[in-house]
């Protein structure tokens, strides 16, 4: 029988047989599998052009990945793709990942895009596209996980959050829900009354002041002002490109933070809460130090413009009162600290005598 006849018969048989979806749609390490294949022992007819083989076996790593994908969801291709990217994204070239990201953006496959952002992948115009598509939640993810966002992109993000466009409310509510869930989790940790309850109390105060009284767009701003991407030089560049309405929104936002820290002086950073309690939002609460620093930059560089407008003057008077109150408290704390230090020195001298 000729090779052409064998192919023709095989094609006819495949049309008549029912197709069964393979359990192994992707072979990750095909080279090792092919190397282990051997002809069947009972197949000794050398006249046949096609011979059956044995020794088919996939690697343990491939088996674990396939099993995890199968257990996750047999029918959800998006979920499978995300799982594959989580496990193997580190072995895929950046150019290929950018192509996947661009395809996900075009097709609006947001879950795959989230997975790529979690891994710090960024392609050309990602920020600008997310701004245009009103994806506030993904913009916040970019701020949290991508360390090389360009200053021009940050300007777009600032403008977007300071003056939210129509159609952005739904995705901003996703961000609000995340903050709310973290605050509720902190409260649950307090109720357990274990060795971590004190840390949970500190975290709950911090998350409370970060959540209450802030709009959904302002909750998104938290990520900017707590980010390591934002320094004085970057902020100065962003401020120079903001309009009057955007600048007023920014001053009101920073003023809210000053009032919060004045009202709740016990609120302080909780760097251990994220690791020990899973309260990752604590890492994204702007500190009083950073708020004062950034507000000082705003006033120093734009004071002459701000005092010309009545709406700015009213807001600045309120901030001035809060700053004076905080400064008074700081002087009192310094006085108490000096007394404590003097007492320590005196106790040491007495013990030495």
C-alpha atoms as a PDB file:
ATOM      1  CA  UNK A   1       0.000   0.000   0.000  1.00  0.00           C
ATOM      2  CA  UNK A   2       1.370   3.372  -0.997  1.00  0.00           C
ATOM      3  CA  UNK A   3       1.831   6.293   1.403  1.00  0.00           C
ATOM      4  CA  UNK A   4      -0.885   8.233  -0.445  1.00  0.00           C
ATOM      5  CA  UNK A   5      -3.346   5.394   0.105  1.00  0.00           C
ATOM      6  CA  UNK A   6      -2.465   5.260   3.825  1.00  0.00           C
ATOM      7  CA  UNK A   7      -3.091   9.010   4.213  1.00  0.00           C
ATOM      8  CA  UNK A   8      -6.360   8.787   2.297  1.00  0.00           C
ATOM      9  CA  UNK A   9      -7.595   5.909   4.472  1.00  0.00           C
ATOM     10  CA  UNK A  10      -6.557   7.689   7.672  1.00  0.00           C
ATOM     11  CA  UNK A  11      -8.407  10.820   6.581  1.00  0.00           C
ATOM     12  CA  UNK A  12     -11.544   8.815   5.836  1.00  0.00           C
ATOM     13  CA  UNK A  13     -11.364   7.056   9.209  1.00  0.00           C
ATOM     14  CA  UNK A  14     -10.990  10.380  11.044  1.00  0.00           C
ATOM     15  CA  UNK A  15     -14.136  11.732   9.393  1.00  0.00           C
ATOM     16  CA  UNK A  16     -16.153   8.741  10.522  1.00  0.00           C
ATOM     17  CA  UNK A  17     -14.842   8.677  14.099  1.00  0.00           C
ATOM     18  CA  UNK A  18     -16.101  11.042  16.806  1.00  0.00           C
ATOM     19  CA  UNK A  19     -13.662  13.745  17.866  1.00  0.00           C
ATOM     20  CA  UNK A  20     -12.599  13.692  21.497  1.00  0.00           C
ATOM     21  CA  UNK A  21     -10.962  16.776  22.988  1.00  0.00           C
ATOM     22  CA  UNK A  22      -7.481  16.000  24.241  1.00  0.00           C
ATOM     23  CA  UNK A  23      -6.681  16.326  27.934  1.00  0.00           C
ATOM     24  CA  UNK A  24      -3.333  17.746  26.899  1.00  0.00           C
ATOM     25  CA  UNK A  25      -3.980  20.671  24.526  1.00  0.00           C
ATOM     26  CA  UNK A  26      -0.537  22.184  25.139  1.00  0.00           C
ATOM     27  CA  UNK A  27       2.744  20.256  25.339  1.00  0.00           C
ATOM     28  CA  UNK A  28       5.243  22.381  27.209  1.00  0.00           C
ATOM     29  CA  UNK A  29       8.255  20.062  26.989  1.00  0.00           C
ATOM     30  CA  UNK A  30       7.732  18.152  23.763  1.00  0.00           C
ATOM     31  CA  UNK A  31      11.429  17.373  23.161  1.00  0.00           C
ATOM     32  CA  UNK A  32      11.743  15.066  26.156  1.00  0.00           C
ATOM     33  CA  UNK A  33       8.475  13.296  25.276  1.00  0.00           C
ATOM     34  CA  UNK A  34       9.532  12.507  21.696  1.00  0.00           C
ATOM     35  CA  UNK A  35      12.930  11.271  22.841  1.00  0.00           C
ATOM     36  CA  UNK A  36      11.283   8.608  25.041  1.00  0.00           C
ATOM     37  CA  UNK A  37       9.031   7.208  22.289  1.00  0.00           C
ATOM     38  CA  UNK A  38       9.905   3.683  21.061  1.00  0.00           C
ATOM     39  CA  UNK A  39       8.270   1.286  18.566  1.00  0.00           C
ATOM     40  CA  UNK A  40       5.864  -1.232  20.059  1.00  0.00           C
ATOM     41  CA  UNK A  41       7.570  -4.589  20.715  1.00  0.00           C
ATOM     42  CA  UNK A  42       4.860  -6.655  19.064  1.00  0.00           C
ATOM     43  CA  UNK A  43       4.949  -4.497  15.941  1.00  0.00           C
ATOM     44  CA  UNK A  44       7.717  -6.193  13.899  1.00  0.00           C
ATOM     45  CA  UNK A  45       6.307  -5.730  10.414  1.00  0.00           C
ATOM     46  CA  UNK A  46       8.964  -3.610   8.685  1.00  0.00           C
ATOM     47  CA  UNK A  47       6.850  -3.287   5.539  1.00  0.00           C
ATOM     48  CA  UNK A  48       4.435  -0.864   7.177  1.00  0.00           C
ATOM     49  CA  UNK A  49       5.153   2.810   6.642  1.00  0.00           C
ATOM     50  CA  UNK A  50       3.381   3.893   9.848  1.00  0.00           C
ATOM     51  CA  UNK A  51       4.195   2.115  13.103  1.00  0.00           C
ATOM     52  CA  UNK A  52       2.701   2.476  16.546  1.00  0.00           C
ATOM     53  CA  UNK A  53       4.950   3.710  19.330  1.00  0.00           C
ATOM     54  CA  UNK A  54       4.987   3.402  23.128  1.00  0.00           C
ATOM     55  CA  UNK A  55       6.544   5.316  25.995  1.00  0.00           C
ATOM     56  CA  UNK A  56       4.240   8.360  25.867  1.00  0.00           C
ATOM     57  CA  UNK A  57       4.687  10.211  29.149  1.00  0.00           C
ATOM     58  CA  UNK A  58       4.540  13.884  30.059  1.00  0.00           C
ATOM     59  CA  UNK A  59       6.762  15.463  32.694  1.00  0.00           C
ATOM     60  CA  UNK A  60       5.587  15.890  36.288  1.00  0.00           C
ATOM     61  CA  UNK A  61       5.675  19.681  35.896  1.00  0.00           C
ATOM     62  CA  UNK A  62       3.420  19.552  32.828  1.00  0.00           C
ATOM     63  CA  UNK A  63       1.090  17.117  34.582  1.00  0.00           C
ATOM     64  CA  UNK A  64       0.721  19.443  37.584  1.00  0.00           C
ATOM     65  CA  UNK A  65      -0.027  22.441  35.348  1.00  0.00           C
ATOM     66  CA  UNK A  66      -2.581  20.511  33.284  1.00  0.00           C
ATOM     67  CA  UNK A  67      -4.235  19.122  36.405  1.00  0.00           C
ATOM     68  CA  UNK A  68      -4.437  22.553  38.039  1.00  0.00           C
ATOM     69  CA  UNK A  69      -5.974  24.027  34.879  1.00  0.00           C
ATOM     70  CA  UNK A  70      -8.473  21.163  34.669  1.00  0.00           C
ATOM     71  CA  UNK A  71      -9.469  21.549  38.309  1.00  0.00           C
ATOM     72  CA  UNK A  72      -9.801  25.320  37.959  1.00  0.00           C
ATOM     73  CA  UNK A  73     -12.275  25.319  35.011  1.00  0.00           C
ATOM     74  CA  UNK A  74     -12.392  23.079  31.991  1.00  0.00           C
ATOM     75  CA  UNK A  75     -14.534  25.467  29.968  1.00  0.00           C
ATOM     76  CA  UNK A  76     -13.131  28.856  30.941  1.00  0.00           C
ATOM     77  CA  UNK A  77     -10.302  29.624  28.540  1.00  0.00           C
ATOM     78  CA  UNK A  78      -9.627  32.995  30.175  1.00  0.00           C
ATOM     79  CA  UNK A  79      -9.091  31.423  33.587  1.00  0.00           C
ATOM     80  CA  UNK A  80      -6.770  28.812  32.066  1.00  0.00           C
ATOM     81  CA  UNK A  81      -4.770  31.505  30.276  1.00  0.00           C
ATOM     82  CA  UNK A  82      -4.389  33.527  33.478  1.00  0.00           C
ATOM     83  CA  UNK A  83      -3.197  30.475  35.363  1.00  0.00           C
ATOM     84  CA  UNK A  84      -0.661  29.659  32.670  1.00  0.00           C
ATOM     85  CA  UNK A  85       0.658  33.240  32.709  1.00  0.00           C
ATOM     86  CA  UNK A  86       0.948  33.210  36.511  1.00  0.00           C
ATOM     87  CA  UNK A  87       3.017  30.032  36.453  1.00  0.00           C
ATOM     88  CA  UNK A  88       5.055  30.568  33.310  1.00  0.00           C
ATOM     89  CA  UNK A  89       5.060  34.346  32.768  1.00  0.00           C
ATOM     90  CA  UNK A  90       8.639  34.588  34.030  1.00  0.00           C
ATOM     91  CA  UNK A  91       9.811  32.317  31.206  1.00  0.00           C
ATOM     92  CA  UNK A  92       8.057  34.220  28.407  1.00  0.00           C
ATOM     93  CA  UNK A  93       9.935  36.985  26.604  1.00  0.00           C
ATOM     94  CA  UNK A  94       8.881  40.588  27.196  1.00  0.00           C
ATOM     95  CA  UNK A  95       8.060  41.129  23.517  1.00  0.00           C
ATOM     96  CA  UNK A  96       5.659  38.178  23.549  1.00  0.00           C
ATOM     97  CA  UNK A  97       4.054  39.356  26.797  1.00  0.00           C
ATOM     98  CA  UNK A  98       3.537  42.805  25.286  1.00  0.00           C
ATOM     99  CA  UNK A  99       1.823  41.206  22.283  1.00  0.00           C
ATOM    100  CA  UNK A 100      -0.465  39.295  24.646  1.00  0.00           C
ATOM    101  CA  UNK A 101      -1.186  42.528  26.530  1.00  0.00           C
ATOM    102  CA  UNK A 102      -1.987  44.437  23.343  1.00  0.00           C
ATOM    103  CA  UNK A 103      -4.338  41.652  22.233  1.00  0.00           C
ATOM    104  CA  UNK A 104      -6.033  41.625  25.639  1.00  0.00           C
ATOM    105  CA  UNK A 105      -6.522  45.395  25.408  1.00  0.00           C
ATOM    106  CA  UNK A 106      -7.997  45.151  21.907  1.00  0.00           C
ATOM    107  CA  UNK A 107     -10.364  42.331  22.864  1.00  0.00           C
ATOM    108  CA  UNK A 108     -11.015  43.771  26.356  1.00  0.00           C
ATOM    109  CA  UNK A 109     -10.011  40.536  28.097  1.00  0.00           C
ATOM    110  CA  UNK A 110      -9.502  42.280  31.421  1.00  0.00           C
ATOM    111  CA  UNK A 111      -8.639  39.246  33.585  1.00  0.00           C
ATOM    112  CA  UNK A 112      -5.652  38.357  31.395  1.00  0.00           C
ATOM    113  CA  UNK A 113      -4.591  42.006  31.457  1.00  0.00           C
ATOM    114  CA  UNK A 114      -4.774  42.038  35.272  1.00  0.00           C
ATOM    115  CA  UNK A 115      -2.505  39.004  35.436  1.00  0.00           C
ATOM    116  CA  UNK A 116       0.072  40.705  33.218  1.00  0.00           C
ATOM    117  CA  UNK A 117      -0.042  43.932  35.239  1.00  0.00           C
ATOM    118  CA  UNK A 118       0.486  41.923  38.451  1.00  0.00           C
ATOM    119  CA  UNK A 119       3.718  40.718  36.867  1.00  0.00           C
ATOM    120  CA  UNK A 120       4.804  44.285  36.110  1.00  0.00           C
ATOM    121  CA  UNK A 121       4.402  44.032  32.340  1.00  0.00           C
ATOM    122  CA  UNK A 122       3.797  47.309  30.526  1.00  0.00           C
ATOM    123  CA  UNK A 123       3.535  47.927  26.787  1.00  0.00           C
ATOM    124  CA  UNK A 124       3.414  51.095  24.753  1.00  0.00           C
ATOM    125  CA  UNK A 125       0.460  53.398  25.528  1.00  0.00           C
ATOM    126  CA  UNK A 126      -0.997  51.049  28.166  1.00  0.00           C
ATOM    127  CA  UNK A 127      -1.819  53.886  30.588  1.00  0.00           C
ATOM    128  CA  UNK A 128      -3.325  56.089  27.888  1.00  0.00           C
ATOM    129  CA  UNK A 129      -5.523  53.247  26.625  1.00  0.00           C
ATOM    130  CA  UNK A 130      -6.772  52.438  30.131  1.00  0.00           C
ATOM    131  CA  UNK A 131      -7.597  56.123  30.668  1.00  0.00           C
ATOM    132  CA  UNK A 132      -9.598  56.183  27.444  1.00  0.00           C
ATOM    133  CA  UNK A 133     -11.427  52.981  28.376  1.00  0.00           C
ATOM    134  CA  UNK A 134     -12.247  54.354  31.882  1.00  0.00           C
ATOM    135  CA  UNK A 135     -10.599  51.399  33.681  1.00  0.00           C
ATOM    136  CA  UNK A 136      -9.903  53.003  37.070  1.00  0.00           C
ATOM    137  CA  UNK A 137      -9.287  49.660  38.773  1.00  0.00           C
ATOM    138  CA  UNK A 138      -6.610  48.648  36.269  1.00  0.00           C
ATOM    139  CA  UNK A 139      -4.975  52.076  36.497  1.00  0.00           C
ATOM    140  CA  UNK A 140      -4.641  51.565  40.251  1.00  0.00           C
ATOM    141  CA  UNK A 141      -3.096  48.160  39.603  1.00  0.00           C
ATOM    142  CA  UNK A 142      -0.563  49.784  37.279  1.00  0.00           C
ATOM    143  CA  UNK A 143       0.425  52.283  39.963  1.00  0.00           C
ATOM    144  CA  UNK A 144       0.871  49.456  42.482  1.00  0.00           C
ATOM    145  CA  UNK A 145       2.751  46.950  40.345  1.00  0.00           C
ATOM    146  CA  UNK A 146       4.556  48.817  37.549  1.00  0.00           C
ATOM    147  CA  UNK A 147       7.675  50.640  38.681  1.00  0.00           C
ATOM    148  CA  UNK A 148       8.637  52.441  35.462  1.00  0.00           C
ATOM    149  CA  UNK A 149       5.550  54.518  34.635  1.00  0.00           C
ATOM    150  CA  UNK A 150       6.552  57.582  32.622  1.00  0.00           C
ATOM    151  CA  UNK A 151       5.912  61.073  33.981  1.00  0.00           C
ATOM    152  CA  UNK A 152       3.689  61.933  31.015  1.00  0.00           C
ATOM    153  CA  UNK A 153       1.505  58.916  31.829  1.00  0.00           C
ATOM    154  CA  UNK A 154       1.274  59.990  35.465  1.00  0.00           C
ATOM    155  CA  UNK A 155      -0.033  63.380  34.312  1.00  0.00           C
ATOM    156  CA  UNK A 156      -2.859  61.579  32.495  1.00  0.00           C
ATOM    157  CA  UNK A 157      -3.628  59.527  35.608  1.00  0.00           C
ATOM    158  CA  UNK A 158      -3.641  62.655  37.813  1.00  0.00           C
ATOM    159  CA  UNK A 159      -6.044  64.442  35.472  1.00  0.00           C
ATOM    160  CA  UNK A 160      -8.267  61.362  35.261  1.00  0.00           C
ATOM    161  CA  UNK A 161      -8.636  60.924  39.033  1.00  0.00           C
ATOM    162  CA  UNK A 162      -8.845  64.630  39.883  1.00  0.00           C
ATOM    163  CA  UNK A 163     -11.630  65.303  37.363  1.00  0.00           C
ATOM    164  CA  UNK A 164     -13.229  61.884  36.681  1.00  0.00           C
ATOM    165  CA  UNK A 165     -14.915  61.636  33.278  1.00  0.00           C
ATOM    166  CA  UNK A 166     -18.396  60.252  32.739  1.00  0.00           C
ATOM    167  CA  UNK A 167     -18.475  56.481  32.566  1.00  0.00           C
ATOM    168  CA  UNK A 168     -15.690  55.947  35.100  1.00  0.00           C
ATOM    169  CA  UNK A 169     -17.950  55.479  38.144  1.00  0.00           C
ATOM    170  CA  UNK A 170     -18.442  51.705  37.850  1.00  0.00           C
ATOM    171  CA  UNK A 171     -14.747  50.812  37.795  1.00  0.00           C
ATOM    172  CA  UNK A 172     -14.006  53.313  40.569  1.00  0.00           C
ATOM    173  CA  UNK A 173     -16.619  51.519  42.665  1.00  0.00           C
ATOM    174  CA  UNK A 174     -14.507  48.378  42.263  1.00  0.00           C
ATOM    175  CA  UNK A 175     -11.642  50.250  43.924  1.00  0.00           C
ATOM    176  CA  UNK A 176     -13.956  51.470  46.704  1.00  0.00           C
ATOM    177  CA  UNK A 177     -15.102  47.886  47.274  1.00  0.00           C
ATOM    178  CA  UNK A 178     -11.488  46.764  47.682  1.00  0.00           C
ATOM    179  CA  UNK A 179     -10.872  49.404  50.390  1.00  0.00           C
ATOM    180  CA  UNK A 180     -14.130  48.486  52.115  1.00  0.00           C
ATOM    181  CA  UNK A 181     -13.226  44.779  52.136  1.00  0.00           C
ATOM    182  CA  UNK A 182      -9.837  45.542  53.660  1.00  0.00           C
ATOM    183  CA  UNK A 183     -11.428  47.681  56.393  1.00  0.00           C
ATOM    184  CA  UNK A 184     -13.932  44.918  57.208  1.00  0.00           C
ATOM    185  CA  UNK A 185     -11.122  42.363  57.321  1.00  0.00           C
ATOM    186  CA  UNK A 186      -9.243  44.513  59.844  1.00  0.00           C
ATOM    187  CA  UNK A 187     -12.353  44.648  62.057  1.00  0.00           C
ATOM    188  CA  UNK A 188     -12.679  40.852  61.876  1.00  0.00           C
ATOM    189  CA  UNK A 189      -9.062  40.471  62.971  1.00  0.00           C
ATOM    190  CA  UNK A 190      -9.742  42.641  66.048  1.00  0.00           C
ATOM    191  CA  UNK A 191     -12.609  40.389  67.132  1.00  0.00           C
ATOM    192  CA  UNK A 192     -10.386  37.306  67.342  1.00  0.00           C
ATOM    193  CA  UNK A 193      -8.557  38.686  70.416  1.00  0.00           C
ATOM    194  CA  UNK A 194      -5.202  37.034  69.755  1.00  0.00           C
ATOM    195  CA  UNK A 195      -1.631  38.286  69.742  1.00  0.00           C
ATOM    196  CA  UNK A 196      -2.259  40.138  66.475  1.00  0.00           C
ATOM    197  CA  UNK A 197      -5.346  42.011  67.669  1.00  0.00           C
ATOM    198  CA  UNK A 198      -3.336  45.104  68.706  1.00  0.00           C
ATOM    199  CA  UNK A 199      -1.828  45.345  65.226  1.00  0.00           C
ATOM    200  CA  UNK A 200      -5.306  44.882  63.766  1.00  0.00           C
ATOM    201  CA  UNK A 201      -6.603  47.796  65.874  1.00  0.00           C
ATOM    202  CA  UNK A 202      -3.860  50.086  64.573  1.00  0.00           C
ATOM    203  CA  UNK A 203      -4.561  48.957  61.007  1.00  0.00           C
ATOM    204  CA  UNK A 204      -8.311  49.448  61.382  1.00  0.00           C
ATOM    205  CA  UNK A 205      -7.808  53.084  62.485  1.00  0.00           C
ATOM    206  CA  UNK A 206      -5.510  53.704  59.539  1.00  0.00           C
ATOM    207  CA  UNK A 207      -7.923  52.130  57.032  1.00  0.00           C
ATOM    208  CA  UNK A 208     -10.864  53.956  58.605  1.00  0.00           C
ATOM    209  CA  UNK A 209      -9.348  57.394  58.071  1.00  0.00           C
ATOM    210  CA  UNK A 210      -8.325  56.390  54.533  1.00  0.00           C
ATOM    211  CA  UNK A 211     -11.856  55.251  53.626  1.00  0.00           C
ATOM    212  CA  UNK A 212     -14.372  57.488  55.420  1.00  0.00           C
ATOM    213  CA  UNK A 213     -15.135  60.805  53.781  1.00  0.00           C
ATOM    214  CA  UNK A 214     -13.179  60.209  50.584  1.00  0.00           C
ATOM    215  CA  UNK A 215     -14.846  59.897  47.199  1.00  0.00           C
ATOM    216  CA  UNK A 216     -14.172  56.899  44.967  1.00  0.00           C
ATOM    217  CA  UNK A 217     -11.795  58.908  42.767  1.00  0.00           C
ATOM    218  CA  UNK A 218      -9.943  60.156  45.868  1.00  0.00           C
ATOM    219  CA  UNK A 219      -9.494  56.564  47.036  1.00  0.00           C
ATOM    220  CA  UNK A 220      -7.701  56.000  43.731  1.00  0.00           C
ATOM    221  CA  UNK A 221      -5.471  59.018  44.468  1.00  0.00           C
ATOM    222  CA  UNK A 222      -4.255  57.243  47.622  1.00  0.00           C
ATOM    223  CA  UNK A 223      -2.221  54.901  45.417  1.00  0.00           C
ATOM    224  CA  UNK A 224      -0.474  57.826  43.725  1.00  0.00           C
ATOM    225  CA  UNK A 225       0.521  59.622  46.927  1.00  0.00           C
ATOM    226  CA  UNK A 226       1.666  56.431  48.640  1.00  0.00           C
ATOM    227  CA  UNK A 227       3.597  55.219  45.591  1.00  0.00           C
ATOM    228  CA  UNK A 228       7.371  55.147  45.385  1.00  0.00           C
ATOM    229  CA  UNK A 229       6.978  56.344  41.774  1.00  0.00           C
ATOM    230  CA  UNK A 230       5.950  59.801  43.006  1.00  0.00           C
ATOM    231  CA  UNK A 231       8.793  62.038  44.147  1.00  0.00           C
ATOM    232  CA  UNK A 232       9.024  65.820  44.384  1.00  0.00           C
ATOM    233  CA  UNK A 233      10.482  66.166  40.890  1.00  0.00           C
ATOM    234  CA  UNK A 234       7.756  63.989  39.337  1.00  0.00           C
ATOM    235  CA  UNK A 235       4.990  65.770  41.242  1.00  0.00           C
ATOM    236  CA  UNK A 236       6.377  69.170  40.248  1.00  0.00           C
ATOM    237  CA  UNK A 237       6.218  68.105  36.600  1.00  0.00           C
ATOM    238  CA  UNK A 238       2.634  66.844  37.008  1.00  0.00           C
ATOM    239  CA  UNK A 239       1.516  70.030  38.819  1.00  0.00           C
ATOM    240  CA  UNK A 240       2.800  72.218  36.013  1.00  0.00           C
ATOM    241  CA  UNK A 241       0.355  70.512  33.652  1.00  0.00           C
ATOM    242  CA  UNK A 242      -2.789  70.644  35.785  1.00  0.00           C
ATOM    243  CA  UNK A 243      -5.627  73.089  35.184  1.00  0.00           C
ATOM    244  CA  UNK A 244      -7.348  75.251  37.808  1.00  0.00           C
ATOM    245  CA  UNK A 245     -10.194  72.801  38.509  1.00  0.00           C
ATOM    246  CA  UNK A 246      -7.748  69.919  38.835  1.00  0.00           C
ATOM    247  CA  UNK A 247      -5.515  71.923  41.171  1.00  0.00           C
ATOM    248  CA  UNK A 248      -8.466  72.811  43.404  1.00  0.00           C
ATOM    249  CA  UNK A 249      -9.471  69.132  43.608  1.00  0.00           C
ATOM    250  CA  UNK A 250      -5.913  68.243  44.572  1.00  0.00           C
ATOM    251  CA  UNK A 251      -5.748  70.863  47.339  1.00  0.00           C
ATOM    252  CA  UNK A 252      -9.107  69.718  48.731  1.00  0.00           C
ATOM    253  CA  UNK A 253      -7.871  66.131  48.724  1.00  0.00           C
ATOM    254  CA  UNK A 254      -4.665  66.943  50.594  1.00  0.00           C
ATOM    255  CA  UNK A 255      -6.645  69.178  52.963  1.00  0.00           C
ATOM    256  CA  UNK A 256      -8.889  66.229  53.843  1.00  0.00           C
ATOM    257  CA  UNK A 257      -5.823  64.247  54.828  1.00  0.00           C
ATOM    258  CA  UNK A 258      -4.586  66.994  57.141  1.00  0.00           C
ATOM    259  CA  UNK A 259      -7.985  67.148  58.872  1.00  0.00           C
ATOM    260  CA  UNK A 260      -8.002  63.360  59.269  1.00  0.00           C
ATOM    261  CA  UNK A 261      -4.573  63.299  60.902  1.00  0.00           C
ATOM    262  CA  UNK A 262      -5.543  66.217  63.147  1.00  0.00           C
ATOM    263  CA  UNK A 263      -8.693  64.414  64.289  1.00  0.00           C
ATOM    264  CA  UNK A 264      -7.018  61.004  64.698  1.00  0.00           C
ATOM    265  CA  UNK A 265      -3.447  61.617  65.901  1.00  0.00           C
ATOM    266  CA  UNK A 266      -3.176  57.944  66.879  1.00  0.00           C
ATOM    267  CA  UNK A 267      -3.229  56.936  63.207  1.00  0.00           C
ATOM    268  CA  UNK A 268       0.217  55.845  62.083  1.00  0.00           C
ATOM    269  CA  UNK A 269       1.760  53.636  59.364  1.00  0.00           C
ATOM    270  CA  UNK A 270       1.354  49.862  59.843  1.00  0.00           C
ATOM    271  CA  UNK A 271       4.018  48.242  57.659  1.00  0.00           C
ATOM    272  CA  UNK A 272       3.598  44.843  59.369  1.00  0.00           C
ATOM    273  CA  UNK A 273      -0.161  44.642  58.769  1.00  0.00           C
ATOM    274  CA  UNK A 274       0.174  43.681  55.107  1.00  0.00           C
ATOM    275  CA  UNK A 275       2.440  40.696  55.763  1.00  0.00           C
ATOM    276  CA  UNK A 276       1.040  39.451  59.067  1.00  0.00           C
ATOM    277  CA  UNK A 277      -2.681  40.168  58.573  1.00  0.00           C
ATOM    278  CA  UNK A 278      -3.089  40.331  54.810  1.00  0.00           C
ATOM    279  CA  UNK A 279      -4.145  43.999  55.018  1.00  0.00           C
ATOM    280  CA  UNK A 280      -2.273  45.130  51.917  1.00  0.00           C
ATOM    281  CA  UNK A 281      -4.211  48.405  51.714  1.00  0.00           C
ATOM    282  CA  UNK A 282      -2.226  49.645  54.727  1.00  0.00           C
ATOM    283  CA  UNK A 283       0.789  49.990  52.421  1.00  0.00           C
ATOM    284  CA  UNK A 284      -1.200  52.405  50.249  1.00  0.00           C
ATOM    285  CA  UNK A 285      -2.287  54.955  52.868  1.00  0.00           C
ATOM    286  CA  UNK A 286      -0.372  58.243  52.443  1.00  0.00           C
ATOM    287  CA  UNK A 287       1.468  59.183  55.626  1.00  0.00           C
ATOM    288  CA  UNK A 288       1.175  62.573  57.312  1.00  0.00           C
ATOM    289  CA  UNK A 289       4.803  63.223  56.387  1.00  0.00           C
ATOM    290  CA  UNK A 290       4.173  62.680  52.681  1.00  0.00           C
ATOM    291  CA  UNK A 291       0.924  64.698  52.715  1.00  0.00           C
ATOM    292  CA  UNK A 292       2.672  67.699  54.304  1.00  0.00           C
ATOM    293  CA  UNK A 293       5.605  67.372  51.904  1.00  0.00           C
ATOM    294  CA  UNK A 294       3.423  67.271  48.794  1.00  0.00           C
ATOM    295  CA  UNK A 295       1.097  70.025  49.997  1.00  0.00           C
ATOM    296  CA  UNK A 296       4.121  72.187  50.717  1.00  0.00           C
ATOM    297  CA  UNK A 297       5.313  71.698  47.151  1.00  0.00           C
ATOM    298  CA  UNK A 298       1.889  72.678  45.783  1.00  0.00           C
ATOM    299  CA  UNK A 299       1.818  75.877  47.818  1.00  0.00           C
ATOM    300  CA  UNK A 300       5.449  76.810  47.196  1.00  0.00           C
ATOM    301  CA  UNK A 301       5.241  76.515  43.427  1.00  0.00           C
ATOM    302  CA  UNK A 302       1.715  77.822  42.827  1.00  0.00           C
ATOM    303  CA  UNK A 303       0.949  80.166  45.727  1.00  0.00           C
ATOM    304  CA  UNK A 304       0.924  83.321  43.583  1.00  0.00           C
ATOM    305  CA  UNK A 305      -1.704  81.780  41.293  1.00  0.00           C
ATOM    306  CA  UNK A 306      -3.792  80.251  44.072  1.00  0.00           C
ATOM    307  CA  UNK A 307      -4.326  83.471  46.042  1.00  0.00           C
ATOM    308  CA  UNK A 308      -5.932  85.147  43.018  1.00  0.00           C
ATOM    309  CA  UNK A 309      -9.016  82.909  43.118  1.00  0.00           C
ATOM    310  CA  UNK A 310     -11.658  83.092  45.868  1.00  0.00           C
ATOM    311  CA  UNK A 311     -12.375  79.353  45.924  1.00  0.00           C
ATOM    312  CA  UNK A 312      -8.684  78.663  46.534  1.00  0.00           C
ATOM    313  CA  UNK A 313      -8.518  81.279  49.295  1.00  0.00           C
ATOM    314  CA  UNK A 314     -11.337  79.659  51.273  1.00  0.00           C
ATOM    315  CA  UNK A 315      -9.710  76.256  51.050  1.00  0.00           C
ATOM    316  CA  UNK A 316      -6.296  77.627  51.991  1.00  0.00           C
ATOM    317  CA  UNK A 317      -7.727  79.346  55.099  1.00  0.00           C
ATOM    318  CA  UNK A 318      -9.144  76.007  56.271  1.00  0.00           C
ATOM    319  CA  UNK A 319      -5.829  74.290  55.641  1.00  0.00           C
ATOM    320  CA  UNK A 320      -3.967  77.067  57.458  1.00  0.00           C
ATOM    321  CA  UNK A 321      -6.042  76.474  60.579  1.00  0.00           C
ATOM    322  CA  UNK A 322      -5.376  72.738  60.487  1.00  0.00           C
ATOM    323  CA  UNK A 323      -1.651  73.227  59.917  1.00  0.00           C
ATOM    324  CA  UNK A 324      -1.415  75.567  62.914  1.00  0.00           C
ATOM    325  CA  UNK A 325      -3.202  73.009  65.076  1.00  0.00           C
ATOM    326  CA  UNK A 326      -0.867  70.236  63.942  1.00  0.00           C
ATOM    327  CA  UNK A 327       2.179  72.446  64.461  1.00  0.00           C
ATOM    328  CA  UNK A 328       1.038  73.236  67.996  1.00  0.00           C
ATOM    329  CA  UNK A 329       0.629  69.540  68.730  1.00  0.00           C
ATOM    330  CA  UNK A 330       4.050  68.820  67.244  1.00  0.00           C
ATOM    331  CA  UNK A 331       5.676  71.459  69.506  1.00  0.00           C
ATOM    332  CA  UNK A 332       3.961  69.914  72.540  1.00  0.00           C
ATOM    333  CA  UNK A 333       5.173  66.450  71.547  1.00  0.00           C
ATOM    334  CA  UNK A 334       8.702  67.785  71.133  1.00  0.00           C
ATOM    335  CA  UNK A 335       8.542  69.311  74.616  1.00  0.00           C
ATOM    336  CA  UNK A 336       7.356  66.023  76.129  1.00  0.00           C
ATOM    337  CA  UNK A 337      10.048  64.141  74.208  1.00  0.00           C
ATOM    338  CA  UNK A 338      12.699  66.501  75.589  1.00  0.00           C
ATOM    339  CA  UNK A 339      11.427  65.902  79.136  1.00  0.00           C
ATOM    340  CA  UNK A 340      11.560  62.128  78.619  1.00  0.00           C
ATOM    341  CA  UNK A 341      15.106  62.292  77.271  1.00  0.00           C
ATOM    342  CA  UNK A 342      16.228  64.449  80.219  1.00  0.00           C
ATOM    343  CA  UNK A 343      14.656  61.987  82.659  1.00  0.00           C
ATOM    344  CA  UNK A 344      16.485  59.097  80.960  1.00  0.00           C
ATOM    345  CA  UNK A 345      19.795  60.910  81.299  1.00  0.00           C
ATOM    346  CA  UNK A 346      19.114  61.691  84.965  1.00  0.00           C
ATOM    347  CA  UNK A 347      18.149  58.089  85.743  1.00  0.00           C
ATOM    348  CA  UNK A 348      21.297  56.801  84.059  1.00  0.00           C
ATOM    349  CA  UNK A 349      23.473  59.223  86.043  1.00  0.00           C
ATOM    350  CA  UNK A 350      21.843  58.176  89.317  1.00  0.00           C
ATOM    351  CA  UNK A 351      22.277  54.501  88.552  1.00  0.00           C
ATOM    352  CA  UNK A 352      25.881  55.122  87.692  1.00  0.00           C
ATOM    353  CA  UNK A 353      26.450  56.921  90.975  1.00  0.00           C
END
